[in-house]
């Protein structure tokens, strides 16, 4: 097996996510499209289901690192969780998440971490 590194991916750049979320903000503003769940809804739903099966208090602090459009937090809020924080290093992702969730779940907090 070779010890060589893989070529870097555009997905690993901050600029890629800035461009992507800027476009998704525009799509949301123009058409109400909440954007993609980048690792797939199936994966997010498995995580959400697992959290719900853990019999946790609904006010336990939950932090979603790399929250993207806030999908996971929205689904946890739908399940009754109330102490939710989304963190992303892309301010455009946080902007989109805030727009998407503020009407239905204004208690979800977001923070940019750079």
Protein backbone atom coordinates (compact mmCIF):
# COMPACT_ATOMS: atom_id res chain seq x y z
CA UNK A 1 0.00 0.00 0.00
CA UNK A 2 1.33 3.41 -0.94
CA UNK A 3 1.89 6.20 1.55
CA UNK A 4 0.91 8.93 -0.89
CA UNK A 5 -1.72 11.50 -0.04
CA UNK A 6 -4.94 11.88 -1.95
CA UNK A 7 -5.42 14.93 -4.11
CA UNK A 8 -7.13 17.72 -2.23
CA UNK A 9 -10.80 18.34 -2.92
CA UNK A 10 -12.55 21.60 -3.60
CA UNK A 11 -14.99 20.53 -0.85
CA UNK A 12 -12.21 21.12 1.64
CA UNK A 13 -11.97 24.83 0.93
CA UNK A 14 -13.71 27.64 2.74
CA UNK A 15 -14.21 29.44 -0.58
CA UNK A 16 -16.21 26.50 -1.94
CA UNK A 17 -18.63 26.62 0.97
CA UNK A 18 -18.93 30.42 0.78
CA UNK A 19 -19.90 30.20 -2.90
CA UNK A 20 -22.23 27.26 -2.31
CA UNK A 21 -24.10 28.80 0.62
CA UNK A 22 -24.30 32.20 -1.05
CA UNK A 23 -26.10 30.46 -3.91
CA UNK A 24 -28.32 28.53 -1.47
CA UNK A 25 -29.26 31.74 0.36
CA UNK A 26 -30.32 33.23 -2.97
CA UNK A 27 -32.32 30.08 -3.82
CA UNK A 28 -34.02 30.22 -0.42
CA UNK A 29 -34.84 33.92 -0.76
CA UNK A 30 -36.15 33.49 -4.32
CA UNK A 31 -37.87 30.09 -4.12
CA UNK A 32 -38.03 28.91 -0.51
CA UNK A 33 -35.56 26.08 -1.23
CA UNK A 34 -33.90 25.18 2.08
CA UNK A 35 -30.85 23.66 0.39
CA UNK A 36 -29.07 20.35 0.50
CA UNK A 37 -28.32 18.14 3.46
CA UNK A 38 -24.72 17.61 2.44
CA UNK A 39 -24.17 14.23 4.08
CA UNK A 40 -27.62 13.01 3.12
CA UNK A 41 -30.97 13.05 4.87
CA UNK A 42 -30.67 9.32 5.55
CA UNK A 43 -27.50 9.87 7.60
CA UNK A 44 -29.02 12.80 9.46
CA UNK A 45 -32.19 10.85 10.22
CA UNK A 46 -30.14 7.94 11.62
CA UNK A 47 -28.34 10.36 13.96
CA UNK A 48 -31.61 12.03 14.99
CA UNK A 49 -33.29 8.66 15.62
CA UNK A 50 -30.32 7.54 17.72
CA UNK A 51 -30.43 10.72 19.81
CA UNK A 52 -34.16 10.28 20.35
CA UNK A 53 -33.70 6.66 21.48
CA UNK A 54 -31.15 7.72 24.13
CA UNK A 55 -33.95 8.84 26.44
CA UNK A 56 -32.34 12.25 27.01
CA UNK A 57 -34.01 15.19 28.69
CA UNK A 58 -35.40 17.52 26.03
CA UNK A 59 -33.46 20.46 27.46
CA UNK A 60 -30.05 18.78 27.21
CA UNK A 61 -27.54 20.90 25.29
CA UNK A 62 -27.01 19.68 21.74
CA UNK A 63 -24.33 21.19 19.51
CA UNK A 64 -24.31 20.47 15.78
CA UNK A 65 -20.80 21.12 14.47
CA UNK A 66 -20.89 21.90 10.77
CA UNK A 67 -24.61 22.62 10.96
CA UNK A 68 -25.00 23.71 7.34
CA UNK A 69 -28.62 24.67 6.69
CA UNK A 70 -29.75 23.61 10.18
CA UNK A 71 -31.63 20.50 9.03
CA UNK A 72 -30.53 18.26 11.91
CA UNK A 73 -31.34 20.91 14.51
CA UNK A 74 -34.75 21.55 12.97
CA UNK A 75 -35.57 17.86 13.14
CA UNK A 76 -34.38 17.67 16.75
CA UNK A 77 -36.56 20.69 17.56
CA UNK A 78 -39.49 18.89 15.90
CA UNK A 79 -38.80 16.02 18.34
CA UNK A 80 -39.03 18.43 21.29
CA UNK A 81 -35.39 19.33 21.94
CA UNK A 82 -35.03 22.98 22.94
CA UNK A 83 -31.38 23.70 23.85
CA UNK A 84 -29.89 23.61 20.37
CA UNK A 85 -26.79 25.30 18.98
CA UNK A 86 -25.54 25.10 15.41
CA UNK A 87 -21.93 25.95 14.67
CA UNK A 88 -20.34 26.35 11.26
CA UNK A 89 -17.17 27.96 10.01
CA UNK A 90 -18.97 29.39 7.01
CA UNK A 91 -21.00 32.49 7.91
CA UNK A 92 -23.15 31.98 4.84
CA UNK A 93 -24.20 28.56 6.14
CA UNK A 94 -25.20 30.12 9.45
CA UNK A 95 -27.12 32.85 7.60
CA UNK A 96 -29.06 30.21 5.65
CA UNK A 97 -29.75 28.12 8.76
CA UNK A 98 -31.07 31.17 10.61
CA UNK A 99 -33.36 32.07 7.70
CA UNK A 100 -34.64 28.50 7.35
CA UNK A 101 -35.38 27.88 11.03
CA UNK A 102 -36.26 31.30 12.51
CA UNK A 103 -40.02 31.14 11.84
CA UNK A 104 -40.72 27.70 13.23
CA UNK A 105 -37.87 27.33 15.74
CA UNK A 106 -36.64 30.78 16.82
CA UNK A 107 -34.97 29.27 19.91
CA UNK A 108 -32.30 27.48 17.83
CA UNK A 109 -29.07 29.43 18.21
CA UNK A 110 -26.27 29.62 15.65
CA UNK A 111 -22.67 30.69 15.83
CA UNK A 112 -19.90 31.16 13.29
CA UNK A 113 -16.64 29.60 14.36
CA UNK A 114 -13.63 30.56 12.30
